Amino acid sequence: MGQLIRFAITGGEVADITQAKALLLGSSANTVIADKGYDSDELVDFIRQGEAVAVIPPRRNRLTRRRYDRTAYKDRNRIERFFCRLKQFRRIATRYDKLVERYASIVALGASFVWLNA
C-alpha cells in the first residue's frame, strides 16, 4: 500500500490540479502517476522538467492523444486503496473539524495509523 508524503487541503469547490505543482515541487520522484483529472500539458511539462515520467491517461476530448504507460498506471490502485483506508476514520470522511489546521492534523494522524498498520 502507498504512503502519504505530502498533502494540501483545499475547499471542496477547488480542483485538485491547482495544488499539483506545489505538492510535486522539490520531490525526487521517478514516476508521477495520476488520473485523468490531472491531464494538462502544463503539468506534464512540469513533471518532465523534474526529470520524472508522467503516467497520466489523456482525457477523451483531447485533440492530440498523449501516450502513457498502462502497466505503470495499474499501480494507481495503491493510491485509491490508501484513500479508502484513510476514509475509514469517520472524523476524516465526514470532516467534523471546522478549522483547516485541526483537519490537517487528523489527516496526518490517520495517515500515520494507516502506515503503521500496513
PDB file of N, CA and C in Angstrom:
ATOM      1  N   MET A   1       0.844  -1.179   0.000  1.00  0.00           N
ATOM      2  CA  MET A   1       0.000   0.000   0.000  1.00  0.00           C
ATOM      3  C   MET A   1       0.889   1.242   0.000  1.00  0.00           C
ATOM      4  N   GLY A   2       0.364   2.315  -0.525  1.00  0.00           N
ATOM      5  CA  GLY A   2       1.118   3.563  -0.611  1.00  0.00           C
ATOM      6  C   GLY A   2       1.276   4.247   0.733  1.00  0.00           C
ATOM      7  N   GLN A   3       2.092   5.265   0.739  1.00  0.00           N
ATOM      8  CA  GLN A   3       2.362   6.030   1.953  1.00  0.00           C
ATOM      9  C   GLN A   3       2.223   7.512   1.638  1.00  0.00           C
ATOM     10  N   LEU A   4       1.627   8.267   2.536  1.00  0.00           N
ATOM     11  CA  LEU A   4       1.442   9.697   2.352  1.00  0.00           C
ATOM     12  C   LEU A   4       2.778  10.417   2.504  1.00  0.00           C
ATOM     13  N   ILE A   5       3.110  11.243   1.530  1.00  0.00           N
ATOM     14  CA  ILE A   5       4.349  12.010   1.593  1.00  0.00           C
ATOM     15  C   ILE A   5       4.035  13.464   1.897  1.00  0.00           C
ATOM     16  N   ARG A   6       3.094  14.038   1.154  1.00  0.00           N
ATOM     17  CA  ARG A   6       2.651  15.423   1.336  1.00  0.00           C
ATOM     18  C   ARG A   6       1.174  15.509   1.039  1.00  0.00           C
ATOM     19  N   PHE A   7       0.531  16.524   1.604  1.00  0.00           N
ATOM     20  CA  PHE A   7      -0.864  16.763   1.260  1.00  0.00           C
ATOM     21  C   PHE A   7      -1.183  18.234   1.431  1.00  0.00           C
ATOM     22  N   ALA A   8      -2.226  18.659   0.756  1.00  0.00           N
ATOM     23  CA  ALA A   8      -2.718  20.033   0.861  1.00  0.00           C
ATOM     24  C   ALA A   8      -4.235  19.958   0.958  1.00  0.00           C
ATOM     25  N   ILE A   9      -4.802  20.778   1.805  1.00  0.00           N
ATOM     26  CA  ILE A   9      -6.247  20.788   1.987  1.00  0.00           C
ATOM     27  C   ILE A   9      -6.805  22.056   1.353  1.00  0.00           C
ATOM     28  N   THR A  10      -7.810  21.870   0.518  1.00  0.00           N
ATOM     29  CA  THR A  10      -8.457  22.997  -0.153  1.00  0.00           C
ATOM     30  C   THR A  10      -9.962  22.888   0.074  1.00  0.00           C
ATOM     31  N   GLY A  11     -10.676  23.863  -0.399  1.00  0.00           N
ATOM     32  CA  GLY A  11     -12.123  23.819  -0.335  1.00  0.00           C
ATOM     33  C   GLY A  11     -12.674  22.769  -1.283  1.00  0.00           C
ATOM     34  N   GLY A  12     -13.878  22.350  -1.048  1.00  0.00           N
ATOM     35  CA  GLY A  12     -14.489  21.316  -1.869  1.00  0.00           C
ATOM     36  C   GLY A  12     -14.709  21.730  -3.310  1.00  0.00           C
ATOM     37  N   GLU A  13     -14.773  23.027  -3.582  1.00  0.00           N
ATOM     38  CA  GLU A  13     -15.030  23.506  -4.930  1.00  0.00           C
ATOM     39  C   GLU A  13     -13.759  23.707  -5.743  1.00  0.00           C
ATOM     40  N   VAL A  14     -12.591  23.513  -5.148  1.00  0.00           N
ATOM     41  CA  VAL A  14     -11.310  23.743  -5.809  1.00  0.00           C
ATOM     42  C   VAL A  14     -10.855  22.455  -6.498  1.00  0.00           C
ATOM     43  N   ALA A  15     -10.437  22.568  -7.747  1.00  0.00           N
ATOM     44  CA  ALA A  15      -9.950  21.410  -8.486  1.00  0.00           C
ATOM     45  C   ALA A  15      -8.610  20.949  -7.922  1.00  0.00           C
ATOM     46  N   ASP A  16      -8.403  19.651  -7.878  1.00  0.00           N
ATOM     47  CA  ASP A  16      -7.178  19.085  -7.314  1.00  0.00           C
ATOM     48  C   ASP A  16      -5.932  19.500  -8.083  1.00  0.00           C
ATOM     49  N   ILE A  17      -6.064  19.692  -9.370  1.00  0.00           N
ATOM     50  CA  ILE A  17      -4.907  20.008 -10.205  1.00  0.00           C
ATOM     51  C   ILE A  17      -4.262  21.334  -9.820  1.00  0.00           C
ATOM     52  N   THR A  18      -4.988  22.210  -9.147  1.00  0.00           N
ATOM     53  CA  THR A  18      -4.429  23.508  -8.752  1.00  0.00           C
ATOM     54  C   THR A  18      -3.309  23.351  -7.732  1.00  0.00           C
ATOM     55  N   GLN A  19      -3.279  22.252  -7.005  1.00  0.00           N
ATOM     56  CA  GLN A  19      -2.266  22.019  -5.972  1.00  0.00           C
ATOM     57  C   GLN A  19      -1.158  21.082  -6.426  1.00  0.00           C
ATOM     58  N   ALA A  20      -1.260  20.537  -7.625  1.00  0.00           N
ATOM     59  CA  ALA A  20      -0.313  19.512  -8.080  1.00  0.00           C
ATOM     60  C   ALA A  20       1.125  20.016  -8.122  1.00  0.00           C
ATOM     61  N   LYS A  21       1.357  21.171  -8.702  1.00  0.00           N
ATOM     62  CA  LYS A  21       2.730  21.678  -8.812  1.00  0.00           C
ATOM     63  C   LYS A  21       3.347  21.911  -7.438  1.00  0.00           C
ATOM     64  N   ALA A  22       2.584  22.506  -6.540  1.00  0.00           N
ATOM     65  CA  ALA A  22       3.107  22.780  -5.198  1.00  0.00           C
ATOM     66  C   ALA A  22       3.469  21.491  -4.467  1.00  0.00           C
ATOM     67  N   LEU A  23       2.679  20.440  -4.665  1.00  0.00           N
ATOM     68  CA  LEU A  23       2.970  19.169  -4.000  1.00  0.00           C
ATOM     69  C   LEU A  23       4.149  18.448  -4.626  1.00  0.00           C
ATOM     70  N   LEU A  24       4.362  18.642  -5.920  1.00  0.00           N
ATOM     71  CA  LEU A  24       5.464  17.972  -6.611  1.00  0.00           C
ATOM     72  C   LEU A  24       6.783  18.715  -6.498  1.00  0.00           C
ATOM     73  N   LEU A  25       6.718  19.985  -6.172  1.00  0.00           N
ATOM     74  CA  LEU A  25       7.922  20.811  -6.099  1.00  0.00           C
ATOM     75  C   LEU A  25       8.893  20.259  -5.055  1.00  0.00           C
ATOM     76  N   GLY A  26      10.111  20.007  -5.478  1.00  0.00           N
ATOM     77  CA  GLY A  26      11.126  19.505  -4.563  1.00  0.00           C
ATOM     78  C   GLY A  26      11.104  18.002  -4.349  1.00  0.00           C
ATOM     79  N   SER A  27      10.199  17.290  -5.001  1.00  0.00           N
ATOM     80  CA  SER A  27      10.172  15.836  -4.833  1.00  0.00           C
ATOM     81  C   SER A  27      11.166  15.194  -5.785  1.00  0.00           C
ATOM     82  N   SER A  28      11.610  14.031  -5.443  1.00  0.00           N
ATOM     83  CA  SER A  28      12.585  13.320  -6.267  1.00  0.00           C
ATOM     84  C   SER A  28      11.980  12.059  -6.874  1.00  0.00           C
ATOM     85  N   ALA A  29      10.745  12.159  -7.295  1.00  0.00           N
ATOM     86  CA  ALA A  29      10.052  11.001  -7.852  1.00  0.00           C
ATOM     87  C   ALA A  29      10.561  10.684  -9.251  1.00  0.00           C
ATOM     88  N   ASN A  30      10.617   9.410  -9.565  1.00  0.00           N
ATOM     89  CA  ASN A  30      10.972   8.973 -10.916  1.00  0.00           C
ATOM     90  C   ASN A  30       9.740   8.912 -11.801  1.00  0.00           C
ATOM     91  N   THR A  31       8.597   8.623 -11.177  1.00  0.00           N
ATOM     92  CA  THR A  31       7.337   8.471 -11.898  1.00  0.00           C
ATOM     93  C   THR A  31       6.250   9.184 -11.124  1.00  0.00           C
ATOM     94  N   VAL A  32       5.392   9.900 -11.833  1.00  0.00           N
ATOM     95  CA  VAL A  32       4.233  10.554 -11.225  1.00  0.00           C
ATOM     96  C   VAL A  32       2.998   9.936 -11.860  1.00  0.00           C
ATOM     97  N   ILE A  33       2.208   9.252 -11.052  1.00  0.00           N
ATOM     98  CA  ILE A  33       1.000   8.588 -11.526  1.00  0.00           C
ATOM     99  C   ILE A  33      -0.202   9.377 -11.047  1.00  0.00           C
ATOM    100  N   ALA A  34      -1.093   9.721 -11.970  1.00  0.00           N
ATOM    101  CA  ALA A  34      -2.292  10.482 -11.619  1.00  0.00           C
ATOM    102  C   ALA A  34      -3.433  10.088 -12.560  1.00  0.00           C
ATOM    103  N   ASP A  35      -4.652  10.443 -12.190  1.00  0.00           N
ATOM    104  CA  ASP A  35      -5.793  10.119 -13.035  1.00  0.00           C
ATOM    105  C   ASP A  35      -6.019  11.208 -14.086  1.00  0.00           C
ATOM    106  N   LYS A  36      -7.075  11.047 -14.879  1.00  0.00           N
ATOM    107  CA  LYS A  36      -7.351  11.946 -15.995  1.00  0.00           C
ATOM    108  C   LYS A  36      -7.587  13.390 -15.567  1.00  0.00           C
ATOM    109  N   GLY A  37      -7.978  13.594 -14.339  1.00  0.00           N
ATOM    110  CA  GLY A  37      -8.206  14.944 -13.835  1.00  0.00           C
ATOM    111  C   GLY A  37      -6.949  15.805 -13.830  1.00  0.00           C
ATOM    112  N   TYR A  38      -5.791  15.164 -13.904  1.00  0.00           N
ATOM    113  CA  TYR A  38      -4.516  15.877 -13.889  1.00  0.00           C
ATOM    114  C   TYR A  38      -3.905  15.996 -15.289  1.00  0.00           C
ATOM    115  N   ASP A  39      -4.663  15.682 -16.299  1.00  0.00           N
ATOM    116  CA  ASP A  39      -4.169  15.737 -17.669  1.00  0.00           C
ATOM    117  C   ASP A  39      -4.167  17.171 -18.187  1.00  0.00           C
ATOM    118  N   SER A  40      -3.010  17.798 -18.142  1.00  0.00           N
ATOM    119  CA  SER A  40      -2.830  19.112 -18.754  1.00  0.00           C
ATOM    120  C   SER A  40      -1.400  19.193 -19.265  1.00  0.00           C
ATOM    121  N   ASP A  41      -1.225  19.859 -20.389  1.00  0.00           N
ATOM    122  CA  ASP A  41       0.105  19.980 -20.970  1.00  0.00           C
ATOM    123  C   ASP A  41       1.065  20.682 -20.011  1.00  0.00           C
ATOM    124  N   GLU A  42       0.551  21.679 -19.308  1.00  0.00           N
ATOM    125  CA  GLU A  42       1.380  22.445 -18.372  1.00  0.00           C
ATOM    126  C   GLU A  42       1.931  21.555 -17.254  1.00  0.00           C
ATOM    127  N   LEU A  43       1.075  20.715 -16.674  1.00  0.00           N
ATOM    128  CA  LEU A  43       1.512  19.837 -15.589  1.00  0.00           C
ATOM    129  C   LEU A  43       2.454  18.756 -16.102  1.00  0.00           C
ATOM    130  N   VAL A  44       2.153  18.178 -17.257  1.00  0.00           N
ATOM    131  CA  VAL A  44       3.025  17.143 -17.818  1.00  0.00           C
ATOM    132  C   VAL A  44       4.409  17.724 -18.120  1.00  0.00           C
ATOM    133  N   ASP A  45       4.463  18.930 -18.658  1.00  0.00           N
ATOM    134  CA  ASP A  45       5.751  19.581 -18.909  1.00  0.00           C
ATOM    135  C   ASP A  45       6.501  19.847 -17.607  1.00  0.00           C
ATOM    136  N   PHE A  46       5.780  20.250 -16.569  1.00  0.00           N
ATOM    137  CA  PHE A  46       6.395  20.489 -15.259  1.00  0.00           C
ATOM    138  C   PHE A  46       7.000  19.205 -14.707  1.00  0.00           C
ATOM    139  N   ILE A  47       6.296  18.100 -14.863  1.00  0.00           N
ATOM    140  CA  ILE A  47       6.788  16.800 -14.381  1.00  0.00           C
ATOM    141  C   ILE A  47       8.033  16.395 -15.163  1.00  0.00           C
ATOM    142  N   ARG A  48       7.998  16.600 -16.462  1.00  0.00           N
ATOM    143  CA  ARG A  48       9.154  16.242 -17.299  1.00  0.00           C
ATOM    144  C   ARG A  48      10.363  17.120 -16.988  1.00  0.00           C
ATOM    145  N   GLN A  49      10.146  18.374 -16.645  1.00  0.00           N
ATOM    146  CA  GLN A  49      11.255  19.251 -16.274  1.00  0.00           C
ATOM    147  C   GLN A  49      11.947  18.745 -15.008  1.00  0.00           C
ATOM    148  N   GLY A  50      11.180  18.099 -14.153  1.00  0.00           N
ATOM    149  CA  GLY A  50      11.748  17.500 -12.940  1.00  0.00           C
ATOM    150  C   GLY A  50      12.357  16.141 -13.202  1.00  0.00           C
ATOM    151  N   GLU A  51      12.511  15.785 -14.472  1.00  0.00           N
ATOM    152  CA  GLU A  51      13.115  14.528 -14.907  1.00  0.00           C
ATOM    153  C   GLU A  51      12.374  13.304 -14.400  1.00  0.00           C
ATOM    154  N   ALA A  52      11.068  13.405 -14.369  1.00  0.00           N
ATOM    155  CA  ALA A  52      10.230  12.278 -13.998  1.00  0.00           C
ATOM    156  C   ALA A  52       9.342  11.916 -15.185  1.00  0.00           C
ATOM    157  N   VAL A  53       8.765  10.748 -15.120  1.00  0.00           N
ATOM    158  CA  VAL A  53       7.872  10.278 -16.167  1.00  0.00           C
ATOM    159  C   VAL A  53       6.438  10.515 -15.702  1.00  0.00           C
ATOM    160  N   ALA A  54       5.639  11.146 -16.538  1.00  0.00           N
ATOM    161  CA  ALA A  54       4.229  11.401 -16.220  1.00  0.00           C
ATOM    162  C   ALA A  54       3.393  10.237 -16.729  1.00  0.00           C
ATOM    163  N   VAL A  55       2.751   9.535 -15.816  1.00  0.00           N
ATOM    164  CA  VAL A  55       1.859   8.438 -16.172  1.00  0.00           C
ATOM    165  C   VAL A  55       0.437   8.922 -15.894  1.00  0.00           C
ATOM    166  N   ILE A  56      -0.086   9.676 -16.852  1.00  0.00           N
ATOM    167  CA  ILE A  56      -1.404  10.284 -16.725  1.00  0.00           C
ATOM    168  C   ILE A  56      -2.163   9.997 -18.013  1.00  0.00           C
ATOM    169  N   PRO A  57      -3.260   9.241 -17.945  1.00  0.00           N
ATOM    170  CA  PRO A  57      -4.001   8.968 -19.180  1.00  0.00           C
ATOM    171  C   PRO A  57      -4.635  10.246 -19.731  1.00  0.00           C
ATOM    172  N   PRO A  58      -4.696  10.361 -21.057  1.00  0.00           N
ATOM    173  CA  PRO A  58      -5.288  11.570 -21.650  1.00  0.00           C
ATOM    174  C   PRO A  58      -6.810  11.548 -21.532  1.00  0.00           C
ATOM    175  N   ARG A  59      -7.376  12.728 -21.457  1.00  0.00           N
ATOM    176  CA  ARG A  59      -8.837  12.838 -21.446  1.00  0.00           C
ATOM    177  C   ARG A  59      -9.388  12.474 -22.818  1.00  0.00           C
ATOM    178  N   ARG A  60     -10.646  12.122 -22.862  1.00  0.00           N
ATOM    179  CA  ARG A  60     -11.265  11.739 -24.134  1.00  0.00           C
ATOM    180  C   ARG A  60     -11.356  12.890 -25.121  1.00  0.00           C
ATOM    181  N   ASN A  61     -11.536  14.093 -24.624  1.00  0.00           N
ATOM    182  CA  ASN A  61     -11.747  15.223 -25.512  1.00  0.00           C
ATOM    183  C   ASN A  61     -10.433  15.850 -25.997  1.00  0.00           C
ATOM    184  N   ARG A  62      -9.321  15.242 -25.684  1.00  0.00           N
ATOM    185  CA  ARG A  62      -8.016  15.756 -26.097  1.00  0.00           C
ATOM    186  C   ARG A  62      -7.853  15.587 -27.610  1.00  0.00           C
ATOM    187  N   LEU A  63      -7.418  16.633 -28.287  1.00  0.00           N
ATOM    188  CA  LEU A  63      -7.237  16.570 -29.741  1.00  0.00           C
ATOM    189  C   LEU A  63      -6.015  15.746 -30.115  1.00  0.00           C
ATOM    190  N   THR A  64      -4.918  15.947 -29.418  1.00  0.00           N
ATOM    191  CA  THR A  64      -3.726  15.142 -29.670  1.00  0.00           C
ATOM    192  C   THR A  64      -3.537  14.198 -28.489  1.00  0.00           C
ATOM    193  N   ARG A  65      -3.687  12.916 -28.772  1.00  0.00           N
ATOM    194  CA  ARG A  65      -3.580  11.907 -27.714  1.00  0.00           C
ATOM    195  C   ARG A  65      -2.119  11.729 -27.309  1.00  0.00           C
ATOM    196  N   ARG A  66      -1.886  11.705 -26.041  1.00  0.00           N
ATOM    197  CA  ARG A  66      -0.555  11.502 -25.492  1.00  0.00           C
ATOM    198  C   ARG A  66      -0.441  10.061 -25.019  1.00  0.00           C
ATOM    199  N   ARG A  67       0.713   9.466 -25.244  1.00  0.00           N
ATOM    200  CA  ARG A  67       0.918   8.078 -24.803  1.00  0.00           C
ATOM    201  C   ARG A  67       1.249   8.047 -23.309  1.00  0.00           C
ATOM    202  N   TYR A  68       0.903   6.958 -22.655  1.00  0.00           N
ATOM    203  CA  TYR A  68       1.256   6.748 -21.247  1.00  0.00           C
ATOM    204  C   TYR A  68       1.437   5.265 -21.013  1.00  0.00           C
ATOM    205  N   ASP A  69       2.164   4.917 -19.995  1.00  0.00           N
ATOM    206  CA  ASP A  69       2.474   3.527 -19.672  1.00  0.00           C
ATOM    207  C   ASP A  69       1.299   2.899 -18.922  1.00  0.00           C
ATOM    208  N   ARG A  70       0.549   2.076 -19.608  1.00  0.00           N
ATOM    209  CA  ARG A  70      -0.637   1.449 -18.996  1.00  0.00           C
ATOM    210  C   ARG A  70      -0.268   0.485 -17.868  1.00  0.00           C
ATOM    211  N   THR A  71       0.864  -0.166 -18.002  1.00  0.00           N
ATOM    212  CA  THR A  71       1.297  -1.101 -16.953  1.00  0.00           C
ATOM    213  C   THR A  71       1.633  -0.339 -15.673  1.00  0.00           C
ATOM    214  N   ALA A  72       2.344   0.762 -15.799  1.00  0.00           N
ATOM    215  CA  ALA A  72       2.676   1.567 -14.619  1.00  0.00           C
ATOM    216  C   ALA A  72       1.421   2.194 -14.018  1.00  0.00           C
ATOM    217  N   TYR A  73       0.443   2.526 -14.860  1.00  0.00           N
ATOM    218  CA  TYR A  73      -0.790   3.156 -14.372  1.00  0.00           C
ATOM    219  C   TYR A  73      -1.580   2.214 -13.458  1.00  0.00           C
ATOM    220  N   LYS A  74      -1.387   0.927 -13.609  1.00  0.00           N
ATOM    221  CA  LYS A  74      -2.090  -0.040 -12.759  1.00  0.00           C
ATOM    222  C   LYS A  74      -1.698   0.102 -11.292  1.00  0.00           C
ATOM    223  N   ASP A  75      -0.525   0.679 -11.020  1.00  0.00           N
ATOM    224  CA  ASP A  75      -0.104   0.910  -9.634  1.00  0.00           C
ATOM    225  C   ASP A  75      -0.899   2.013  -8.959  1.00  0.00           C
ATOM    226  N   ARG A  76      -1.710   2.749  -9.712  1.00  0.00           N
ATOM    227  CA  ARG A  76      -2.509   3.822  -9.142  1.00  0.00           C
ATOM    228  C   ARG A  76      -3.532   3.284  -8.126  1.00  0.00           C
ATOM    229  N   ASN A  77      -3.849   2.020  -8.218  1.00  0.00           N
ATOM    230  CA  ASN A  77      -4.786   1.437  -7.254  1.00  0.00           C
ATOM    231  C   ASN A  77      -4.246   1.515  -5.834  1.00  0.00           C
ATOM    232  N   ARG A  78      -2.925   1.608  -5.684  1.00  0.00           N
ATOM    233  CA  ARG A  78      -2.343   1.768  -4.343  1.00  0.00           C
ATOM    234  C   ARG A  78      -2.776   3.097  -3.729  1.00  0.00           C
ATOM    235  N   ILE A  79      -2.868   4.125  -4.555  1.00  0.00           N
ATOM    236  CA  ILE A  79      -3.318   5.436  -4.092  1.00  0.00           C
ATOM    237  C   ILE A  79      -4.777   5.353  -3.652  1.00  0.00           C
ATOM    238  N   GLU A  80      -5.598   4.734  -4.471  1.00  0.00           N
ATOM    239  CA  GLU A  80      -7.025   4.604  -4.146  1.00  0.00           C
ATOM    240  C   GLU A  80      -7.226   3.779  -2.883  1.00  0.00           C
ATOM    241  N   ARG A  81      -6.451   2.718  -2.729  1.00  0.00           N
ATOM    242  CA  ARG A  81      -6.570   1.891  -1.519  1.00  0.00           C
ATOM    243  C   ARG A  81      -6.177   2.682  -0.290  1.00  0.00           C
ATOM    244  N   PHE A  82      -5.144   3.533  -0.411  1.00  0.00           N
ATOM    245  CA  PHE A  82      -4.739   4.365   0.713  1.00  0.00           C
ATOM    246  C   PHE A  82      -5.880   5.296   1.129  1.00  0.00           C
ATOM    247  N   PHE A  83      -6.504   5.954   0.159  1.00  0.00           N
ATOM    248  CA  PHE A  83      -7.603   6.868   0.485  1.00  0.00           C
ATOM    249  C   PHE A  83      -8.790   6.126   1.092  1.00  0.00           C
ATOM    250  N   CYS A  84      -9.060   4.925   0.624  1.00  0.00           N
ATOM    251  CA  CYS A  84     -10.142   4.131   1.220  1.00  0.00           C
ATOM    252  C   CYS A  84      -9.834   3.798   2.680  1.00  0.00           C
ATOM    253  N   ARG A  85      -8.586   3.447   2.961  1.00  0.00           N
ATOM    254  CA  ARG A  85      -8.194   3.161   4.346  1.00  0.00           C
ATOM    255  C   ARG A  85      -8.279   4.416   5.209  1.00  0.00           C
ATOM    256  N   LEU A  86      -7.864   5.551   4.640  1.00  0.00           N
ATOM    257  CA  LEU A  86      -7.884   6.814   5.380  1.00  0.00           C
ATOM    258  C   LEU A  86      -9.323   7.234   5.687  1.00  0.00           C
ATOM    259  N   LYS A  87     -10.228   6.984   4.766  1.00  0.00           N
ATOM    260  CA  LYS A  87     -11.627   7.384   4.964  1.00  0.00           C
ATOM    261  C   LYS A  87     -12.373   6.459   5.921  1.00  0.00           C
ATOM    262  N   GLN A  88     -11.730   5.399   6.381  1.00  0.00           N
ATOM    263  CA  GLN A  88     -12.335   4.562   7.411  1.00  0.00           C
ATOM    264  C   GLN A  88     -12.397   5.302   8.738  1.00  0.00           C
ATOM    265  N   PHE A  89     -11.561   6.334   8.881  1.00  0.00           N
ATOM    266  CA  PHE A  89     -11.631   7.179  10.061  1.00  0.00           C
ATOM    267  C   PHE A  89     -12.799   8.142   9.860  1.00  0.00           C
ATOM    268  N   ARG A  90     -13.832   7.962  10.625  1.00  0.00           N
ATOM    269  CA  ARG A  90     -15.070   8.712  10.445  1.00  0.00           C
ATOM    270  C   ARG A  90     -14.864  10.226  10.490  1.00  0.00           C
ATOM    271  N   ARG A  91     -13.972  10.648  11.353  1.00  0.00           N
ATOM    272  CA  ARG A  91     -13.726  12.078  11.508  1.00  0.00           C
ATOM    273  C   ARG A  91     -13.125  12.676  10.236  1.00  0.00           C
ATOM    274  N   ILE A  92     -12.362  11.884   9.505  1.00  0.00           N
ATOM    275  CA  ILE A  92     -11.782  12.347   8.241  1.00  0.00           C
ATOM    276  C   ILE A  92     -12.834  12.304   7.137  1.00  0.00           C
ATOM    277  N   ALA A  93     -13.585  11.222   7.060  1.00  0.00           N
ATOM    278  CA  ALA A  93     -14.558  11.058   5.987  1.00  0.00           C
ATOM    279  C   ALA A  93     -15.660  12.105   6.035  1.00  0.00           C
ATOM    280  N   THR A  94     -16.090  12.479   7.245  1.00  0.00           N
ATOM    281  CA  THR A  94     -17.193  13.430   7.366  1.00  0.00           C
ATOM    282  C   THR A  94     -16.739  14.861   7.610  1.00  0.00           C
ATOM    283  N   ARG A  95     -15.457  15.036   7.845  1.00  0.00           N
ATOM    284  CA  ARG A  95     -14.837  16.346   8.104  1.00  0.00           C
ATOM    285  C   ARG A  95     -15.588  17.119   9.184  1.00  0.00           C
ATOM    286  N   TYR A  96     -15.542  16.574  10.376  1.00  0.00           N
ATOM    287  CA  TYR A  96     -16.169  17.221  11.528  1.00  0.00           C
ATOM    288  C   TYR A  96     -15.500  18.547  11.881  1.00  0.00           C
ATOM    289  N   ASP A  97     -14.178  18.617  11.703  1.00  0.00           N
ATOM    290  CA  ASP A  97     -13.429  19.795  12.134  1.00  0.00           C
ATOM    291  C   ASP A  97     -13.700  20.984  11.225  1.00  0.00           C
ATOM    292  N   LYS A  98     -13.944  22.114  11.813  1.00  0.00           N
ATOM    293  CA  LYS A  98     -14.200  23.331  11.044  1.00  0.00           C
ATOM    294  C   LYS A  98     -12.904  24.040  10.652  1.00  0.00           C
ATOM    295  N   LEU A  99     -11.872  23.937  11.482  1.00  0.00           N
ATOM    296  CA  LEU A  99     -10.610  24.606  11.206  1.00  0.00           C
ATOM    297  C   LEU A  99      -9.686  23.713  10.373  1.00  0.00           C
ATOM    298  N   VAL A 100      -9.055  24.302   9.379  1.00  0.00           N
ATOM    299  CA  VAL A 100      -8.178  23.552   8.481  1.00  0.00           C
ATOM    300  C   VAL A 100      -7.015  22.924   9.232  1.00  0.00           C
ATOM    301  N   GLU A 101      -6.464  23.643  10.199  1.00  0.00           N
ATOM    302  CA  GLU A 101      -5.320  23.124  10.949  1.00  0.00           C
ATOM    303  C   GLU A 101      -5.677  21.844  11.698  1.00  0.00           C
ATOM    304  N   ARG A 102      -6.851  21.828  12.297  1.00  0.00           N
ATOM    305  CA  ARG A 102      -7.275  20.625  13.033  1.00  0.00           C
ATOM    306  C   ARG A 102      -7.521  19.466  12.085  1.00  0.00           C
ATOM    307  N   TYR A 103      -8.169  19.754  10.968  1.00  0.00           N
ATOM    308  CA  TYR A 103      -8.439  18.699   9.996  1.00  0.00           C
ATOM    309  C   TYR A 103      -7.130  18.148   9.435  1.00  0.00           C
ATOM    310  N   ALA A 104      -6.169  19.014   9.139  1.00  0.00           N
ATOM    311  CA  ALA A 104      -4.870  18.573   8.626  1.00  0.00           C
ATOM    312  C   ALA A 104      -4.163  17.690   9.655  1.00  0.00           C
ATOM    313  N   SER A 105      -4.291  18.025  10.929  1.00  0.00           N
ATOM    314  CA  SER A 105      -3.683  17.209  11.984  1.00  0.00           C
ATOM    315  C   SER A 105      -4.296  15.816  12.031  1.00  0.00           C
ATOM    316  N   ILE A 106      -5.601  15.750  11.888  1.00  0.00           N
ATOM    317  CA  ILE A 106      -6.278  14.454  11.904  1.00  0.00           C
ATOM    318  C   ILE A 106      -5.906  13.632  10.676  1.00  0.00           C
ATOM    319  N   VAL A 107      -5.784  14.281   9.518  1.00  0.00           N
ATOM    320  CA  VAL A 107      -5.370  13.568   8.308  1.00  0.00           C
ATOM    321  C   VAL A 107      -3.962  13.001   8.498  1.00  0.00           C
ATOM    322  N   ALA A 108      -3.047  13.799   9.044  1.00  0.00           N
ATOM    323  CA  ALA A 108      -1.686  13.330   9.286  1.00  0.00           C
ATOM    324  C   ALA A 108      -1.674  12.170  10.287  1.00  0.00           C
ATOM    325  N   LEU A 109      -2.470  12.273  11.324  1.00  0.00           N
ATOM    326  CA  LEU A 109      -2.554  11.198  12.313  1.00  0.00           C
ATOM    327  C   LEU A 109      -3.142   9.935  11.689  1.00  0.00           C
ATOM    328  N   GLY A 110      -4.211  10.096  10.918  1.00  0.00           N
ATOM    329  CA  GLY A 110      -4.821   8.945  10.237  1.00  0.00           C
ATOM    330  C   GLY A 110      -3.844   8.289   9.274  1.00  0.00           C
ATOM    331  N   ALA A 111      -3.088   9.098   8.526  1.00  0.00           N
ATOM    332  CA  ALA A 111      -2.090   8.554   7.600  1.00  0.00           C
ATOM    333  C   ALA A 111      -1.005   7.796   8.361  1.00  0.00           C
ATOM    334  N   SER A 112      -0.668   8.272   9.551  1.00  0.00           N
ATOM    335  CA  SER A 112       0.319   7.568  10.380  1.00  0.00           C
ATOM    336  C   SER A 112      -0.200   6.202  10.799  1.00  0.00           C
ATOM    337  N   PHE A 113      -1.469   6.154  11.192  1.00  0.00           N
ATOM    338  CA  PHE A 113      -2.064   4.865  11.576  1.00  0.00           C
ATOM    339  C   PHE A 113      -2.096   3.907  10.387  1.00  0.00           C
ATOM    340  N   VAL A 114      -2.467   4.397   9.231  1.00  0.00           N
ATOM    341  CA  VAL A 114      -2.507   3.566   8.032  1.00  0.00           C
ATOM    342  C   VAL A 114      -1.108   3.027   7.728  1.00  0.00           C
ATOM    343  N   TRP A 115      -0.115   3.896   7.829  1.00  0.00           N
ATOM    344  CA  TRP A 115       1.265   3.495   7.552  1.00  0.00           C
ATOM    345  C   TRP A 115       1.748   2.452   8.565  1.00  0.00           C
ATOM    346  N   LEU A 116       1.426   2.626   9.839  1.00  0.00           N
ATOM    347  CA  LEU A 116       1.863   1.687  10.866  1.00  0.00           C
ATOM    348  C   LEU A 116       1.179   0.331  10.745  1.00  0.00           C
ATOM    349  N   ASN A 117      -0.052   0.314  10.250  1.00  0.00           N
ATOM    350  CA  ASN A 117      -0.801  -0.925  10.136  1.00  0.00           C
ATOM    351  C   ASN A 117      -0.636  -1.617   8.797  1.00  0.00           C
ATOM    352  N   ALA A 118       0.152  -1.046   7.909  1.00  0.00           N
ATOM    353  CA  ALA A 118       0.316  -1.629   6.577  1.00  0.00           C
ATOM    354  C   ALA A 118       1.189  -2.857   6.593  1.00  0.00           C
TER     355      ALA A 118
END
